[in-house]
Protein backbone atom coordinates (compact mmCIF):
# COMPACT_ATOMS: atom_id res chain seq x y z
CA MET A 1 -0.22 0.08 0.13
CA ASN A 2 1.31 3.45 -0.90
CA ILE A 3 0.91 5.47 2.52
CA ASP A 4 0.66 9.14 2.13
CA LEU A 5 0.59 10.58 5.65
CA LEU A 6 -0.25 14.19 4.05
CA LYS A 7 -3.46 12.89 3.39
CA PRO A 8 -4.65 11.23 6.75
CA PRO A 9 -7.61 8.78 6.83
CA GLU A 10 -11.13 9.96 7.92
CA VAL A 11 -11.46 10.21 11.82
CA ILE A 12 -14.31 8.13 13.29
CA THR A 13 -15.65 9.24 16.69
CA GLU A 14 -18.54 6.53 16.86
CA THR A 15 -19.66 3.55 15.37
CA GLU A 16 -20.41 3.56 11.59
CA ASN A 17 -23.20 1.98 9.79
CA GLY A 18 -23.32 -0.16 6.81
CA ALA A 19 -19.78 -1.77 7.27
CA SER A 20 -19.22 -4.83 5.38
CA ILE A 21 -17.74 -7.05 8.59
CA ASN A 22 -19.48 -7.26 11.62
CA ILE A 23 -16.87 -8.62 14.18
CA LEU A 24 -17.99 -10.73 17.14
CA ASP A 25 -15.14 -9.54 18.99
CA GLY A 26 -17.40 -8.69 21.79
CA ALA A 27 -15.42 -9.03 25.04
CA VAL A 28 -16.58 -6.87 27.80
CA GLY A 29 -14.50 -5.06 30.23
CA VAL A 30 -14.70 -4.90 34.07
CA THR A 31 -13.60 -1.57 34.72
CA GLU A 32 -15.98 1.41 35.64
CA ILE A 33 -15.24 4.93 34.38
CA GLU A 34 -15.87 6.50 37.57
CA ARG A 35 -13.11 4.11 39.07
CA LEU A 36 -10.74 4.82 36.08
CA LYS A 37 -10.76 8.55 36.90
CA LYS A 38 -9.69 7.95 40.46
CA TRP A 39 -6.99 5.44 39.06
CA GLY A 40 -5.45 7.90 36.72
CA SER A 41 -5.72 10.93 38.92
CA ILE A 42 -1.95 11.32 39.09
CA SER A 43 -0.78 8.95 36.26
CA SER A 44 -2.68 10.90 33.75
CA ASN A 45 -1.95 14.44 35.36
CA LYS A 46 0.97 16.24 33.61
CA ASN A 47 1.30 18.48 36.50
CA PHE A 48 2.99 15.72 38.27
CA SER A 49 6.63 14.64 37.24
CA VAL A 50 7.47 11.67 35.03
CA GLU A 51 8.64 9.75 37.95
CA GLU A 52 5.48 10.52 39.98
CA ARG A 53 3.31 9.61 36.81
CA VAL A 54 5.31 6.22 36.27
CA GLU A 55 5.29 5.12 39.78
CA ALA A 56 1.44 5.59 40.02
CA TYR A 57 0.88 3.96 36.63
CA GLU A 58 3.11 1.08 37.80
CA ASP A 59 0.50 0.46 41.06
CA ILE A 60 -2.50 0.42 38.65
CA PHE A 61 -0.71 -1.90 36.47
CA ASP A 62 0.30 -4.24 39.19
CA SER A 63 -3.00 -4.31 40.75
CA GLU A 64 -5.33 -4.35 37.84
CA VAL A 65 -3.68 -6.29 35.09
CA GLY A 66 -2.94 -10.03 35.15
CA ASP A 67 -3.27 -12.65 38.03
CA THR A 68 -6.00 -13.85 36.02
CA SER A 69 -7.81 -16.97 37.23
CA LEU A 70 -6.61 -20.81 36.49
CA VAL A 71 -9.42 -23.17 37.26
CA ARG A 72 -9.60 -26.91 36.94
CA ALA A 73 -12.32 -27.79 34.76
CA ARG A 74 -13.59 -31.14 36.27
CA ASN A 75 -16.63 -31.32 34.40
CA LEU A 76 -14.87 -31.20 30.83
CA GLU A 77 -12.10 -33.58 32.52
CA ARG A 78 -14.86 -36.10 32.83
CA GLU A 79 -16.59 -35.29 29.53
CA LEU A 80 -13.11 -35.89 27.70
CA GLY A 81 -11.36 -38.18 29.66
CA ILE A 82 -8.38 -35.73 30.42
CA ARG A 83 -6.56 -36.48 33.67
CA GLN A 84 -6.18 -32.66 34.75
CA LEU A 85 -7.42 -29.70 32.55
CA PHE A 86 -6.84 -25.96 33.86
CA LEU A 87 -8.50 -22.97 31.80
CA LYS A 88 -6.36 -19.98 32.15
CA PHE A 89 -9.12 -17.30 31.54
CA GLU A 90 -7.64 -13.82 30.46
CA GLY A 91 -11.28 -12.28 30.64
CA GLY A 92 -10.54 -11.24 34.07
CA ASN A 93 -8.36 -8.44 32.53
CA PRO A 94 -9.81 -4.81 32.58
CA THR A 95 -11.13 -4.77 29.09
CA GLY A 96 -11.74 -8.58 29.00
CA THR A 97 -8.73 -9.95 26.99
CA GLN A 98 -5.14 -10.74 27.51
CA LYS A 99 -4.22 -7.64 25.22
CA ASP A 100 -4.40 -5.31 28.27
CA ARG A 101 -0.95 -7.14 29.41
CA ILE A 102 0.96 -5.70 26.56
CA ALA A 103 -0.96 -2.47 26.01
CA PHE A 104 -0.39 -1.16 29.77
CA ALA A 105 3.35 -2.55 29.36
CA GLN A 106 3.68 -0.39 26.49
CA CYS A 107 1.84 2.83 27.62
CA MET A 108 3.86 2.66 30.84
CA ASP A 109 7.09 2.15 28.56
CA ALA A 110 6.05 5.10 26.58
CA LEU A 111 5.45 7.29 29.64
CA ARG A 112 8.79 6.37 31.01
CA ARG A 113 10.56 7.32 27.81
CA GLY A 114 8.70 10.55 27.19
CA PHE A 115 6.27 10.03 24.31
CA ASP A 116 2.99 11.95 24.38
CA THR A 117 1.41 9.69 21.94
CA ILE A 118 0.93 5.96 21.21
CA THR A 119 -0.30 4.54 17.98
CA VAL A 120 -1.63 1.10 16.87
CA ALA A 121 -3.43 -0.82 14.51
CA THR A 122 -6.30 -2.99 15.42
CA CYS A 123 -9.67 -4.90 14.57
CA GLY A 124 -11.41 -4.71 18.02
CA ASN A 125 -9.77 -6.13 21.14
CA TYR A 126 -6.35 -4.67 21.04
CA GLY A 127 -7.53 -1.47 20.39
CA ALA A 128 -9.86 -1.08 23.44
CA ALA A 129 -7.00 -2.21 25.84
CA ILE A 130 -4.63 0.56 24.26
CA ALA A 131 -7.14 3.04 24.52
CA LEU A 132 -7.78 2.27 28.27
CA ALA A 133 -4.07 2.18 29.15
CA ALA A 134 -3.28 5.14 27.26
CA TRP A 135 -6.08 7.06 28.84
CA VAL A 136 -4.99 6.11 32.28
CA ALA A 137 -1.39 7.28 31.44
CA GLY A 138 -2.39 10.37 29.98
CA LEU A 139 -1.17 9.72 26.66
CA ARG A 140 -2.67 10.68 23.45
CA CYS A 141 -3.99 7.59 21.51
CA VAL A 142 -4.26 7.09 17.75
CA ILE A 143 -5.87 3.82 16.75
CA ASN A 144 -6.07 2.69 13.08
CA ILE A 145 -8.71 0.36 11.86
CA PRO A 146 -9.06 -1.27 8.42
CA GLU A 147 -11.81 0.82 6.75
CA HIS A 148 -14.41 -2.27 6.12
CA TYR A 149 -14.09 -3.64 9.59
CA HIS A 150 -17.06 -2.40 11.98
CA THR A 151 -15.87 -3.67 15.32
CA LEU A 152 -18.25 -3.45 18.63
CA ARG A 153 -15.56 -1.70 20.61
CA ILE A 154 -15.17 1.52 18.42
CA LYS A 155 -17.56 3.10 20.69
CA GLU A 156 -15.70 2.18 23.67
CA MET A 157 -12.33 3.27 22.38
CA ALA A 158 -14.06 6.82 21.40
CA GLN A 159 -15.37 7.19 24.80
CA LEU A 160 -11.90 6.76 26.19
CA GLY A 161 -10.55 9.47 23.99
CA ALA A 162 -8.98 7.66 21.42
CA GLU A 163 -8.72 9.12 17.72
CA ILE A 164 -9.65 6.52 15.26
CA LEU A 165 -8.49 6.51 11.84
CA ARG A 166 -10.07 4.34 8.92
CA ILE A 167 -7.61 2.83 6.90
CA PRO A 168 -7.93 1.44 3.45
CA GLY A 169 -7.26 -2.00 2.92
CA ASN A 170 -6.62 -4.77 5.43
CA TYR A 171 -5.36 -5.30 8.88
CA GLU A 172 -1.86 -5.28 7.48
CA ASN A 173 -2.21 -2.33 5.70
CA ALA A 174 -3.49 -0.31 8.90
CA VAL A 175 -0.44 -1.76 10.52
CA GLU A 176 1.77 -0.36 8.16
CA TYR A 177 0.35 2.99 8.15
CA SER A 178 0.48 3.06 11.93
CA GLN A 179 4.28 2.05 11.97
CA LYS A 180 4.94 4.81 9.44
CA MET A 181 2.86 7.17 11.25
CA ALA A 182 4.90 6.43 14.36
CA GLU A 183 8.28 6.83 12.85
CA GLN A 184 7.50 10.23 11.07
CA LYS A 185 5.58 11.96 13.71
CA GLU A 186 7.49 10.54 16.64
CA MET A 187 4.76 8.44 18.37
CA TYR A 188 5.47 5.24 20.31
CA ASP A 189 4.61 2.23 17.82
CA GLY A 190 2.52 -0.10 19.76
CA ASN A 191 2.19 -2.53 16.80
CA PRO A 192 3.37 -6.12 16.61
CA GLY A 193 6.38 -6.72 14.96
CA GLY A 194 8.31 -3.56 15.59
CA ASN A 195 11.06 -2.31 17.93
CA ASN A 196 9.03 -3.16 21.21
CA THR A 197 8.32 -6.67 20.28
CA MET A 198 10.49 -8.35 23.31
CA LEU A 199 8.61 -5.81 25.74
CA GLN A 200 5.32 -7.59 24.21
CA LEU A 201 6.65 -10.94 24.89
CA LYS A 202 7.66 -10.24 28.22
CA ALA A 203 4.50 -9.04 29.05
CA TYR A 204 2.59 -12.16 27.74
CA GLY A 205 5.61 -14.07 29.60
CA GLU A 206 3.58 -13.20 32.95
CA ILE A 207 0.94 -15.82 32.15
CA ALA A 208 3.71 -18.55 32.43
CA TYR A 209 4.77 -17.29 35.86
CA GLU A 210 1.29 -17.10 36.88
CA ILE A 211 0.66 -20.78 35.92
CA TYR A 212 3.87 -21.71 37.58
CA ASP A 213 2.70 -19.91 40.82
CA GLU A 214 -0.54 -22.17 40.95
CA LEU A 215 0.95 -25.54 39.64
CA ARG A 216 4.25 -25.35 41.13
CA ASP A 217 5.52 -26.70 38.04
CA ALA A 218 4.90 -26.49 34.23
CA PRO A 219 2.46 -28.18 32.79
CA LYS A 220 2.67 -30.81 30.26
CA ILE A 221 0.94 -28.84 27.46
CA VAL A 222 -0.16 -25.03 27.26
CA ALA A 223 -2.54 -24.39 24.30
CA ALA A 224 -3.36 -21.22 22.94
CA PRO A 225 -5.11 -19.42 20.05
CA MET A 226 -2.82 -17.54 17.40
CA SER A 227 -3.15 -14.61 15.29
CA ASN A 228 -0.04 -12.77 15.22
CA GLY A 229 1.94 -15.22 17.52
CA THR A 230 2.89 -12.97 20.07
CA LEU A 231 0.72 -14.77 22.72
CA ILE A 232 1.92 -18.20 22.68
CA ALA A 233 5.89 -16.83 21.68
CA GLY A 234 5.64 -14.96 25.02
CA ILE A 235 4.19 -17.77 27.19
CA TYR A 236 6.93 -20.15 25.68
CA LYS A 237 9.69 -17.60 26.70
CA GLY A 238 8.01 -17.28 29.91
CA PHE A 239 8.54 -21.09 30.54
CA LEU A 240 11.95 -21.18 29.24
CA SER A 241 13.23 -18.61 31.56
CA LEU A 242 11.62 -20.48 34.56
CA TYR A 243 13.35 -23.68 33.46
CA ARG A 244 16.55 -21.97 33.03
CA ARG A 245 16.52 -20.87 36.30
CA GLY A 246 15.64 -24.31 37.80
CA LYS A 247 12.24 -23.23 38.59
CA THR A 248 10.44 -26.24 36.81
CA SER A 249 11.45 -29.52 35.67
CA ARG A 250 10.21 -28.99 32.01
CA ILE A 251 8.88 -26.82 29.43
CA PRO A 252 5.63 -27.36 28.34
CA ILE A 253 4.58 -28.63 24.82
CA MET A 254 3.36 -25.55 23.11
CA VAL A 255 0.17 -26.00 20.99
CA GLY A 256 -1.28 -23.62 18.93
CA GLY A 257 -4.53 -23.10 16.94
CA SER A 258 -6.10 -20.73 14.41
CA ALA A 259 -8.85 -20.29 11.83
CA TYR A 260 -9.01 -22.87 8.99
CA ASN A 261 -6.11 -22.27 6.18
CA LYS A 262 -6.15 -18.41 7.30
CA ASN A 263 -3.03 -18.22 9.38
CA PRO A 264 0.31 -18.21 8.27
CA ILE A 265 1.85 -19.96 11.36
CA ILE A 266 -0.56 -23.08 11.05
CA GLN A 267 0.30 -23.36 7.37
CA ALA A 268 3.89 -22.93 7.95
CA TYR A 269 3.85 -25.84 10.68
CA ILE A 270 1.59 -28.25 8.46
CA GLN A 271 4.20 -27.65 5.46
CA ASN A 272 7.17 -28.10 7.61
CA LYS A 273 8.67 -24.77 7.12
CA ASN A 274 11.31 -23.19 9.25
CA ASN A 275 9.75 -19.76 8.63
CA CYS A 276 6.27 -18.37 8.11
CA VAL A 277 5.44 -17.46 4.30
CA ASP A 278 2.65 -14.68 3.64
CA LEU A 279 -0.45 -16.06 2.55
CA ILE A 280 -2.37 -14.55 -0.45
CA PRO A 281 -4.44 -11.73 0.92
CA ASP A 282 -7.51 -12.05 -1.44
CA LYS A 283 -8.06 -15.63 -0.24
CA ILE A 284 -8.41 -14.43 3.36
CA LYS A 285 -12.25 -13.89 4.29
CA GLU A 286 -13.07 -12.79 7.58
CA THR A 287 -16.35 -14.08 9.34
CA LYS A 288 -17.71 -12.97 12.71
CA ILE A 289 -16.34 -15.91 14.29
CA ASN A 290 -12.70 -16.19 12.89
CA GLU A 291 -11.56 -12.30 12.51
CA PRO A 292 -9.70 -12.30 15.66
CA LEU A 293 -7.25 -14.93 14.55
CA ILE A 294 -6.63 -14.60 10.73
CA ASN A 295 -4.08 -12.70 8.73
CA TRP A 296 -2.18 -13.05 5.66
CA HIS A 297 1.02 -12.01 7.39
CA ALA A 298 1.75 -13.18 10.94
CA PHE A 299 4.07 -10.26 12.62
CA ASP A 300 5.57 -12.63 15.19
CA GLY A 301 4.82 -15.69 13.51
CA ASP A 302 8.50 -16.84 13.52
CA TYR A 303 8.49 -16.64 17.22
CA ALA A 304 5.45 -18.54 17.73
CA LEU A 305 6.76 -21.18 15.24
CA ASP A 306 9.89 -21.54 16.84
CA ALA A 307 8.09 -21.93 20.29
CA ILE A 308 5.84 -24.80 18.69
CA LYS A 309 8.74 -26.73 17.09
CA SER A 310 11.31 -26.27 20.12
CA THR A 311 8.72 -28.16 22.36
CA ASN A 312 7.85 -30.78 19.96
CA GLY A 313 4.34 -29.29 19.88
CA TRP A 314 1.76 -28.82 16.99
CA ALA A 315 -0.27 -26.04 15.52
CA GLY A 316 -3.79 -27.25 13.78
CA ASN A 317 -6.77 -25.44 12.06
CA ALA A 318 -10.08 -24.84 13.73
CA SER A 319 -13.17 -24.12 12.09
CA ASP A 320 -15.70 -21.49 12.91
CA LYS A 321 -18.28 -24.62 13.72
CA LYS A 322 -15.77 -26.21 16.06
CA MET A 323 -15.13 -22.99 17.79
CA LEU A 324 -18.78 -22.29 18.45
CA GLU A 325 -18.92 -25.83 19.68
CA TYR A 326 -16.13 -25.79 22.09
CA ALA A 327 -17.40 -22.17 23.34
CA LYS A 328 -20.61 -23.82 24.13
CA MET A 329 -19.17 -26.96 25.48
CA ILE A 330 -17.10 -24.73 28.23
CA ARG A 331 -20.02 -22.51 29.09
CA ASP A 332 -22.23 -25.60 29.63
CA LYS A 333 -19.67 -27.42 31.42
CA GLU A 334 -17.83 -24.85 33.42
CA GLY A 335 -20.05 -21.85 33.19
CA ILE A 336 -17.67 -19.48 31.61
CA ASN A 337 -18.56 -17.48 28.83
CA VAL A 338 -15.66 -17.25 26.42
CA LEU A 339 -15.03 -15.79 23.01
CA PRO A 340 -15.35 -18.59 20.38
CA ALA A 341 -12.18 -17.51 18.68
CA SER A 342 -10.20 -18.01 21.90
CA THR A 343 -10.99 -21.99 21.86
CA ALA A 344 -8.73 -22.26 18.61
CA GLY A 345 -5.98 -23.57 20.62
CA PHE A 346 -8.21 -25.81 22.50
CA VAL A 347 -9.76 -27.41 19.32
CA SER A 348 -6.06 -28.00 18.02
CA LEU A 349 -5.34 -29.63 21.23
CA LEU A 350 -8.30 -32.19 21.39
CA GLU A 351 -8.19 -33.25 17.92
CA GLN A 352 -4.57 -34.12 18.12
CA LEU A 353 -5.23 -36.11 21.30
CA ASN A 354 -8.08 -37.92 19.40
CA LYS A 355 -5.63 -39.05 16.81
CA ALA A 356 -2.51 -39.92 19.19
CA PRO A 357 -3.28 -39.78 22.47
CA LEU A 358 -0.50 -38.63 25.13
CA THR A 359 0.35 -39.78 28.54
CA ASN A 360 -2.26 -38.11 30.51
CA ASP A 361 -1.04 -35.14 32.60
CA ARG A 362 -1.79 -31.59 33.25
CA PHE A 363 -2.94 -29.37 30.39
CA VAL A 364 -3.71 -25.60 30.42
CA VAL A 365 -5.81 -23.96 28.02
CA ILE A 366 -5.45 -20.19 27.16
CA LEU A 367 -9.10 -18.60 26.88
CA THR A 368 -10.27 -15.02 26.81
CA GLY A 369 -13.12 -12.78 26.53
CA ARG A 370 -16.91 -12.78 27.79
CA LYS A 371 -19.80 -11.88 26.07
């Protein structure tokens, strides 16, 4: 895409009508606006020093993000014949997804380094997380959304003060635009695949530490949904660090799942490639269910592929039908409402176990969102 920052895209302040894709990203946060105002009374106030604002922000980050629940799914164990199955539910984060972890980590980094603006591209949940994190930090927030995508969370982003730009093309085009904007206008680049990738991986690595805190060792398997690959790569790096420090007896087998034939990481694994290869953009079709997972270019795909191969793990496709089925199963058996797309790793895990059962052990599934 030929990007011209002298001709900025349209600014959207509320939900548009008539968009071609109605994304079912519908995660719901747990945070109330009045509580937020109290949270950010120091961190967002430019009358305080940077040190005071960062300290206040760090307190908020530590107390409100992460430490999500890890519950044993006994009913699913009986249903599926698994010895121990644990669900790591990221819906307990402020905006309802694991994206809060990287959003708050990057906004704190931006605040510490003296940036006044952060920019990202998103199709929904990440934008809500960044908008909230930036609002609490007192940062200007510019969110780039593909022009044909209609996310239910646009109104939420706007209410948190984010400036929303509609970008021609697809998600990858929006990322490219946002990255160039950051470079040319000296904004903090919160996109995947950029200079802050290691910070994002470290933030997701906290999930591994939290699992270890509960289980006191690494599980046999960790299964997670994959889009750009950052989540599963970060969890792997977290467990790798724990193992190297002698905290765990093993590194988990990493299992990923994504939309059927619509993710470069899955295709690279199936074709036994050492690196991800871009898919053909015109063949990528979004639906209400699969949109959070799909892309033709996985920005952190090689990190995710390495995590899977290094642990003798696997990656598999998940159809919309299967993701809906497994989301219903989790709701019916365990009483947890999850976003269907977040079950992609669970689908991949169970389908492989049906083909070649492993020694029964502790399995952890990463889930997110809440209708």
